[in-house]
């Protein structure tokens, strides 16, 4: 993570975590006290958010996260409203470098609240995408029906939450219908496939 334009210091600071013999070690190129950033959480994707928040609280106005991981972009997008200043993600290859202005990404409050859930259920580092439906298709459903994911991952998993998520997947697999039962959608898809083969 690169930090720029601290109010009282016009230099850059590079903070690194992980990759050291001691897994909780954090180091700063400027010798800043980064002890509060030492934690035993192994997942680097979520640690980046903690580092960004600490940098903003320390007075930095621009943060550039160098990463090519979509999971990190989704996390930055979700937490951008809790951070202040400019938040950028540097991605791409050495020959074709790109900068994403995360602070300029505009989502509805429902989408902002549920983008992590959306990403988890439609394909991320640890979960595969719905069969034959990529991010473009599922994003359209999310834009229209994102509220169906409101309660997933928040508290106890209730029957109501299960039904809402089931309806979200029905919208993915059968966007033109009002079906809310995934078994009905499966049955109709199977029958259609059988009829197409005859």
C-alpha atoms as a PDB file:
ATOM      1  CA  UNK A   1       0.000   0.000   0.000  1.00  0.00           C
ATOM      2  CA  UNK A   2       1.383   3.398  -0.920  1.00  0.00           C
ATOM      3  CA  UNK A   3       0.354   6.469   0.988  1.00  0.00           C
ATOM      4  CA  UNK A   4       0.700   9.950  -0.414  1.00  0.00           C
ATOM      5  CA  UNK A   5       0.109  13.571   0.494  1.00  0.00           C
ATOM      6  CA  UNK A   6       0.093  13.478   4.272  1.00  0.00           C
ATOM      7  CA  UNK A   7      -0.889  16.952   5.394  1.00  0.00           C
ATOM      8  CA  UNK A   8       2.374  17.729   7.189  1.00  0.00           C
ATOM      9  CA  UNK A   9       4.712  15.438   5.214  1.00  0.00           C
ATOM     10  CA  UNK A  10       4.930  15.539   1.388  1.00  0.00           C
ATOM     11  CA  UNK A  11       6.647  12.146   1.094  1.00  0.00           C
ATOM     12  CA  UNK A  12       5.397   8.692   0.231  1.00  0.00           C
ATOM     13  CA  UNK A  13       5.246   5.900   2.761  1.00  0.00           C
ATOM     14  CA  UNK A  14       5.201   2.214   1.938  1.00  0.00           C
ATOM     15  CA  UNK A  15       3.657  -0.142   4.508  1.00  0.00           C
ATOM     16  CA  UNK A  16       4.072  -3.886   4.121  1.00  0.00           C
ATOM     17  CA  UNK A  17       2.580  -6.782   6.054  1.00  0.00           C
ATOM     18  CA  UNK A  18       3.077 -10.485   5.587  1.00  0.00           C
ATOM     19  CA  UNK A  19       5.953 -12.194   3.872  1.00  0.00           C
ATOM     20  CA  UNK A  20       8.118 -11.854   6.973  1.00  0.00           C
ATOM     21  CA  UNK A  21       9.363 -14.736   9.102  1.00  0.00           C
ATOM     22  CA  UNK A  22       7.112 -13.441  11.892  1.00  0.00           C
ATOM     23  CA  UNK A  23       3.622 -13.556  10.342  1.00  0.00           C
ATOM     24  CA  UNK A  24       2.217 -10.619  12.333  1.00  0.00           C
ATOM     25  CA  UNK A  25       5.107  -8.241  11.508  1.00  0.00           C
ATOM     26  CA  UNK A  26       4.301  -4.939   9.802  1.00  0.00           C
ATOM     27  CA  UNK A  27       6.950  -2.538   8.506  1.00  0.00           C
ATOM     28  CA  UNK A  28       6.960   1.078   7.341  1.00  0.00           C
ATOM     29  CA  UNK A  29       9.446   2.717   4.970  1.00  0.00           C
ATOM     30  CA  UNK A  30       9.247   5.908   7.071  1.00  0.00           C
ATOM     31  CA  UNK A  31       9.724   4.235  10.440  1.00  0.00           C
ATOM     32  CA  UNK A  32       6.156   5.070  11.502  1.00  0.00           C
ATOM     33  CA  UNK A  33       4.680   3.234  14.471  1.00  0.00           C
ATOM     34  CA  UNK A  34       2.567   0.550  12.851  1.00  0.00           C
ATOM     35  CA  UNK A  35       2.317  -1.712  15.887  1.00  0.00           C
ATOM     36  CA  UNK A  36      -1.498  -1.332  15.966  1.00  0.00           C
ATOM     37  CA  UNK A  37      -1.593  -3.011  12.550  1.00  0.00           C
ATOM     38  CA  UNK A  38      -0.023  -6.233  13.804  1.00  0.00           C
ATOM     39  CA  UNK A  39      -2.638  -8.947  13.985  1.00  0.00           C
ATOM     40  CA  UNK A  40      -2.853 -12.673  13.520  1.00  0.00           C
ATOM     41  CA  UNK A  41      -5.459 -12.474  10.770  1.00  0.00           C
ATOM     42  CA  UNK A  42      -3.913 -14.355   7.862  1.00  0.00           C
ATOM     43  CA  UNK A  43      -6.128 -13.151   4.989  1.00  0.00           C
ATOM     44  CA  UNK A  44      -4.277 -10.273   3.326  1.00  0.00           C
ATOM     45  CA  UNK A  45      -7.372  -9.071   1.458  1.00  0.00           C
ATOM     46  CA  UNK A  46      -9.132  -7.939   4.629  1.00  0.00           C
ATOM     47  CA  UNK A  47      -5.942  -6.731   6.329  1.00  0.00           C
ATOM     48  CA  UNK A  48      -5.598  -4.152   3.551  1.00  0.00           C
ATOM     49  CA  UNK A  49      -8.795  -2.445   4.751  1.00  0.00           C
ATOM     50  CA  UNK A  50      -7.401  -2.137   8.284  1.00  0.00           C
ATOM     51  CA  UNK A  51      -4.220  -0.583   6.894  1.00  0.00           C
ATOM     52  CA  UNK A  52      -6.166   1.867   4.727  1.00  0.00           C
ATOM     53  CA  UNK A  53      -8.340   2.972   7.648  1.00  0.00           C
ATOM     54  CA  UNK A  54      -5.281   3.443   9.871  1.00  0.00           C
ATOM     55  CA  UNK A  55      -3.571   5.520   7.165  1.00  0.00           C
ATOM     56  CA  UNK A  56      -6.565   7.829   6.795  1.00  0.00           C
ATOM     57  CA  UNK A  57      -6.748   8.212  10.564  1.00  0.00           C
ATOM     58  CA  UNK A  58      -3.041   9.127  10.502  1.00  0.00           C
ATOM     59  CA  UNK A  59      -3.769  12.008   8.122  1.00  0.00           C
ATOM     60  CA  UNK A  60      -3.026  10.576   4.702  1.00  0.00           C
ATOM     61  CA  UNK A  61      -5.336  11.905   1.999  1.00  0.00           C
ATOM     62  CA  UNK A  62      -4.528   9.507  -0.849  1.00  0.00           C
ATOM     63  CA  UNK A  63      -4.042   5.763  -0.668  1.00  0.00           C
ATOM     64  CA  UNK A  64      -3.001   3.545  -3.555  1.00  0.00           C
ATOM     65  CA  UNK A  65      -3.448  -0.194  -3.085  1.00  0.00           C
ATOM     66  CA  UNK A  66      -1.362  -2.183  -5.539  1.00  0.00           C
ATOM     67  CA  UNK A  67      -3.172  -5.435  -6.273  1.00  0.00           C
ATOM     68  CA  UNK A  68      -4.655  -7.482  -9.119  1.00  0.00           C
ATOM     69  CA  UNK A  69      -7.246  -9.296  -6.998  1.00  0.00           C
ATOM     70  CA  UNK A  70     -10.938  -8.647  -7.682  1.00  0.00           C
ATOM     71  CA  UNK A  71     -11.749  -9.605  -4.081  1.00  0.00           C
ATOM     72  CA  UNK A  72      -9.664  -6.633  -2.897  1.00  0.00           C
ATOM     73  CA  UNK A  73     -11.456  -4.259  -5.288  1.00  0.00           C
ATOM     74  CA  UNK A  74     -14.822  -5.437  -3.948  1.00  0.00           C
ATOM     75  CA  UNK A  75     -13.652  -4.982  -0.339  1.00  0.00           C
ATOM     76  CA  UNK A  76     -12.306  -1.501  -1.101  1.00  0.00           C
ATOM     77  CA  UNK A  77     -15.574  -0.578  -2.831  1.00  0.00           C
ATOM     78  CA  UNK A  78     -17.633  -1.765   0.140  1.00  0.00           C
ATOM     79  CA  UNK A  79     -15.532   0.048   2.748  1.00  0.00           C
ATOM     80  CA  UNK A  80     -14.819   3.210   0.705  1.00  0.00           C
ATOM     81  CA  UNK A  81     -17.729   5.042   2.349  1.00  0.00           C
ATOM     82  CA  UNK A  82     -16.104   4.491   5.761  1.00  0.00           C
ATOM     83  CA  UNK A  83     -12.810   5.919   4.572  1.00  0.00           C
ATOM     84  CA  UNK A  84     -12.149   9.505   3.545  1.00  0.00           C
ATOM     85  CA  UNK A  85      -9.964  10.991   0.878  1.00  0.00           C
ATOM     86  CA  UNK A  86      -8.801   9.413  -2.350  1.00  0.00           C
ATOM     87  CA  UNK A  87      -8.712   5.629  -2.577  1.00  0.00           C
ATOM     88  CA  UNK A  88      -7.096   4.091  -5.645  1.00  0.00           C
ATOM     89  CA  UNK A  89      -6.337   0.549  -6.731  1.00  0.00           C
ATOM     90  CA  UNK A  90      -3.353   0.055  -9.005  1.00  0.00           C
ATOM     91  CA  UNK A  91      -3.834  -3.050 -11.121  1.00  0.00           C
ATOM     92  CA  UNK A  92      -2.740  -4.598 -14.384  1.00  0.00           C
ATOM     93  CA  UNK A  93       0.672  -5.638 -15.601  1.00  0.00           C
ATOM     94  CA  UNK A  94       3.927  -3.724 -15.733  1.00  0.00           C
ATOM     95  CA  UNK A  95       3.320  -3.046 -19.439  1.00  0.00           C
ATOM     96  CA  UNK A  96      -0.327  -2.093 -18.997  1.00  0.00           C
ATOM     97  CA  UNK A  97      -0.813  -0.437 -15.598  1.00  0.00           C
ATOM     98  CA  UNK A  98      -4.281   0.865 -14.677  1.00  0.00           C
ATOM     99  CA  UNK A  99      -5.579   2.884 -11.757  1.00  0.00           C
ATOM    100  CA  UNK A 100      -9.136   2.436 -10.495  1.00  0.00           C
ATOM    101  CA  UNK A 101     -10.585   5.441  -8.640  1.00  0.00           C
ATOM    102  CA  UNK A 102     -12.432   3.479  -5.962  1.00  0.00           C
ATOM    103  CA  UNK A 103     -13.588   6.710  -4.298  1.00  0.00           C
ATOM    104  CA  UNK A 104     -15.522   7.570  -7.498  1.00  0.00           C
ATOM    105  CA  UNK A 105     -17.465   4.291  -7.730  1.00  0.00           C
ATOM    106  CA  UNK A 106     -21.142   5.101  -7.220  1.00  0.00           C
ATOM    107  CA  UNK A 107     -23.478   2.424  -5.853  1.00  0.00           C
ATOM    108  CA  UNK A 108     -26.944   2.625  -4.382  1.00  0.00           C
ATOM    109  CA  UNK A 109     -27.039   2.204  -0.585  1.00  0.00           C
ATOM    110  CA  UNK A 110     -28.465  -1.318  -1.036  1.00  0.00           C
ATOM    111  CA  UNK A 111     -25.689  -2.290  -3.436  1.00  0.00           C
ATOM    112  CA  UNK A 112     -23.021  -0.739  -1.181  1.00  0.00           C
ATOM    113  CA  UNK A 113     -24.376  -2.677   1.792  1.00  0.00           C
ATOM    114  CA  UNK A 114     -24.626  -6.008  -0.062  1.00  0.00           C
ATOM    115  CA  UNK A 115     -21.721  -6.006  -2.517  1.00  0.00           C
ATOM    116  CA  UNK A 116     -19.640  -8.346  -0.330  1.00  0.00           C
ATOM    117  CA  UNK A 117     -22.502 -10.849  -0.113  1.00  0.00           C
ATOM    118  CA  UNK A 118     -23.138 -10.541  -3.851  1.00  0.00           C
ATOM    119  CA  UNK A 119     -19.483 -11.209  -4.641  1.00  0.00           C
ATOM    120  CA  UNK A 120     -19.344 -14.195  -2.274  1.00  0.00           C
ATOM    121  CA  UNK A 121     -22.423 -15.931  -3.707  1.00  0.00           C
ATOM    122  CA  UNK A 122     -21.679 -15.204  -7.373  1.00  0.00           C
ATOM    123  CA  UNK A 123     -18.020 -16.184  -7.441  1.00  0.00           C
ATOM    124  CA  UNK A 124     -14.943 -15.094  -5.514  1.00  0.00           C
ATOM    125  CA  UNK A 125     -11.599 -16.609  -4.480  1.00  0.00           C
ATOM    126  CA  UNK A 126     -13.334 -19.178  -2.266  1.00  0.00           C
ATOM    127  CA  UNK A 127     -16.630 -19.839  -4.089  1.00  0.00           C
ATOM    128  CA  UNK A 128     -17.420 -20.699  -7.681  1.00  0.00           C
ATOM    129  CA  UNK A 129     -19.894 -18.778  -9.822  1.00  0.00           C
ATOM    130  CA  UNK A 130     -23.415 -20.002 -10.585  1.00  0.00           C
ATOM    131  CA  UNK A 131     -23.349 -22.477 -13.468  1.00  0.00           C
ATOM    132  CA  UNK A 132     -23.263 -20.740 -16.859  1.00  0.00           C
ATOM    133  CA  UNK A 133     -23.834 -17.289 -15.330  1.00  0.00           C
ATOM    134  CA  UNK A 134     -20.916 -14.891 -15.049  1.00  0.00           C
ATOM    135  CA  UNK A 135     -20.555 -11.562 -13.281  1.00  0.00           C
ATOM    136  CA  UNK A 136     -22.211  -9.532 -16.073  1.00  0.00           C
ATOM    137  CA  UNK A 137     -25.438 -11.523 -15.857  1.00  0.00           C
ATOM    138  CA  UNK A 138     -25.508 -11.689 -12.079  1.00  0.00           C
ATOM    139  CA  UNK A 139     -24.636  -7.981 -11.784  1.00  0.00           C
ATOM    140  CA  UNK A 140     -27.806  -7.070 -13.704  1.00  0.00           C
ATOM    141  CA  UNK A 141     -29.843  -9.156 -11.261  1.00  0.00           C
ATOM    142  CA  UNK A 142     -27.997  -7.573  -8.326  1.00  0.00           C
ATOM    143  CA  UNK A 143     -28.776  -4.080  -9.605  1.00  0.00           C
ATOM    144  CA  UNK A 144     -32.503  -4.858  -9.639  1.00  0.00           C
ATOM    145  CA  UNK A 145     -32.824  -7.292  -6.733  1.00  0.00           C
ATOM    146  CA  UNK A 146     -29.875  -6.577  -4.426  1.00  0.00           C
ATOM    147  CA  UNK A 147     -32.174  -6.151  -1.422  1.00  0.00           C
ATOM    148  CA  UNK A 148     -32.837  -9.908  -1.531  1.00  0.00           C
ATOM    149  CA  UNK A 149     -29.333 -10.331  -0.085  1.00  0.00           C
ATOM    150  CA  UNK A 150     -29.903  -7.898   2.805  1.00  0.00           C
ATOM    151  CA  UNK A 151     -29.830 -10.379   5.671  1.00  0.00           C
ATOM    152  CA  UNK A 152     -27.302 -12.928   4.432  1.00  0.00           C
ATOM    153  CA  UNK A 153     -24.181 -12.908   6.587  1.00  0.00           C
ATOM    154  CA  UNK A 154     -25.778 -10.736   9.258  1.00  0.00           C
ATOM    155  CA  UNK A 155     -26.728 -12.691  12.340  1.00  0.00           C
ATOM    156  CA  UNK A 156     -28.501 -16.024  12.455  1.00  0.00           C
ATOM    157  CA  UNK A 157     -29.519 -17.618   9.170  1.00  0.00           C
ATOM    158  CA  UNK A 158     -33.324 -17.567   9.181  1.00  0.00           C
ATOM    159  CA  UNK A 159     -35.868 -19.231   6.896  1.00  0.00           C
ATOM    160  CA  UNK A 160     -36.780 -15.788   5.589  1.00  0.00           C
ATOM    161  CA  UNK A 161     -33.154 -15.116   4.605  1.00  0.00           C
ATOM    162  CA  UNK A 162     -32.878 -18.506   2.892  1.00  0.00           C
ATOM    163  CA  UNK A 163     -36.040 -17.776   0.893  1.00  0.00           C
ATOM    164  CA  UNK A 164     -34.740 -14.344  -0.129  1.00  0.00           C
ATOM    165  CA  UNK A 165     -31.410 -15.736  -1.338  1.00  0.00           C
ATOM    166  CA  UNK A 166     -33.268 -18.538  -3.121  1.00  0.00           C
ATOM    167  CA  UNK A 167     -35.362 -15.913  -4.899  1.00  0.00           C
ATOM    168  CA  UNK A 168     -32.164 -14.066  -5.878  1.00  0.00           C
ATOM    169  CA  UNK A 169     -30.894 -17.233  -7.582  1.00  0.00           C
ATOM    170  CA  UNK A 170     -34.275 -17.780  -9.226  1.00  0.00           C
ATOM    171  CA  UNK A 171     -33.871 -14.302 -10.753  1.00  0.00           C
ATOM    172  CA  UNK A 172     -30.440 -15.341 -12.083  1.00  0.00           C
ATOM    173  CA  UNK A 173     -31.614 -18.603 -13.646  1.00  0.00           C
ATOM    174  CA  UNK A 174     -35.085 -17.450 -14.683  1.00  0.00           C
ATOM    175  CA  UNK A 175     -35.081 -13.655 -15.074  1.00  0.00           C
ATOM    176  CA  UNK A 176     -38.338 -13.491 -17.033  1.00  0.00           C
ATOM    177  CA  UNK A 177     -40.432 -15.369 -14.465  1.00  0.00           C
ATOM    178  CA  UNK A 178     -41.690 -14.563 -10.985  1.00  0.00           C
ATOM    179  CA  UNK A 179     -40.739 -17.979  -9.604  1.00  0.00           C
ATOM    180  CA  UNK A 180     -39.287 -17.934  -6.113  1.00  0.00           C
ATOM    181  CA  UNK A 181     -38.707 -21.670  -5.610  1.00  0.00           C
ATOM    182  CA  UNK A 182     -35.400 -22.902  -7.007  1.00  0.00           C
ATOM    183  CA  UNK A 183     -36.740 -26.453  -7.405  1.00  0.00           C
ATOM    184  CA  UNK A 184     -39.508 -25.163  -9.680  1.00  0.00           C
ATOM    185  CA  UNK A 185     -36.890 -23.318 -11.738  1.00  0.00           C
ATOM    186  CA  UNK A 186     -34.710 -26.452 -11.944  1.00  0.00           C
ATOM    187  CA  UNK A 187     -37.690 -28.564 -13.011  1.00  0.00           C
ATOM    188  CA  UNK A 188     -38.673 -26.096 -15.726  1.00  0.00           C
ATOM    189  CA  UNK A 189     -35.062 -25.867 -16.966  1.00  0.00           C
ATOM    190  CA  UNK A 190     -34.811 -29.676 -17.044  1.00  0.00           C
ATOM    191  CA  UNK A 191     -38.089 -29.987 -18.944  1.00  0.00           C
ATOM    192  CA  UNK A 192     -36.987 -27.324 -21.415  1.00  0.00           C
ATOM    193  CA  UNK A 193     -33.667 -29.135 -21.921  1.00  0.00           C
ATOM    194  CA  UNK A 194     -35.454 -32.455 -22.455  1.00  0.00           C
ATOM    195  CA  UNK A 195     -37.873 -30.902 -24.955  1.00  0.00           C
ATOM    196  CA  UNK A 196     -34.989 -29.231 -26.823  1.00  0.00           C
ATOM    197  CA  UNK A 197     -33.304 -32.621 -27.288  1.00  0.00           C
ATOM    198  CA  UNK A 198     -36.413 -34.321 -28.724  1.00  0.00           C
END
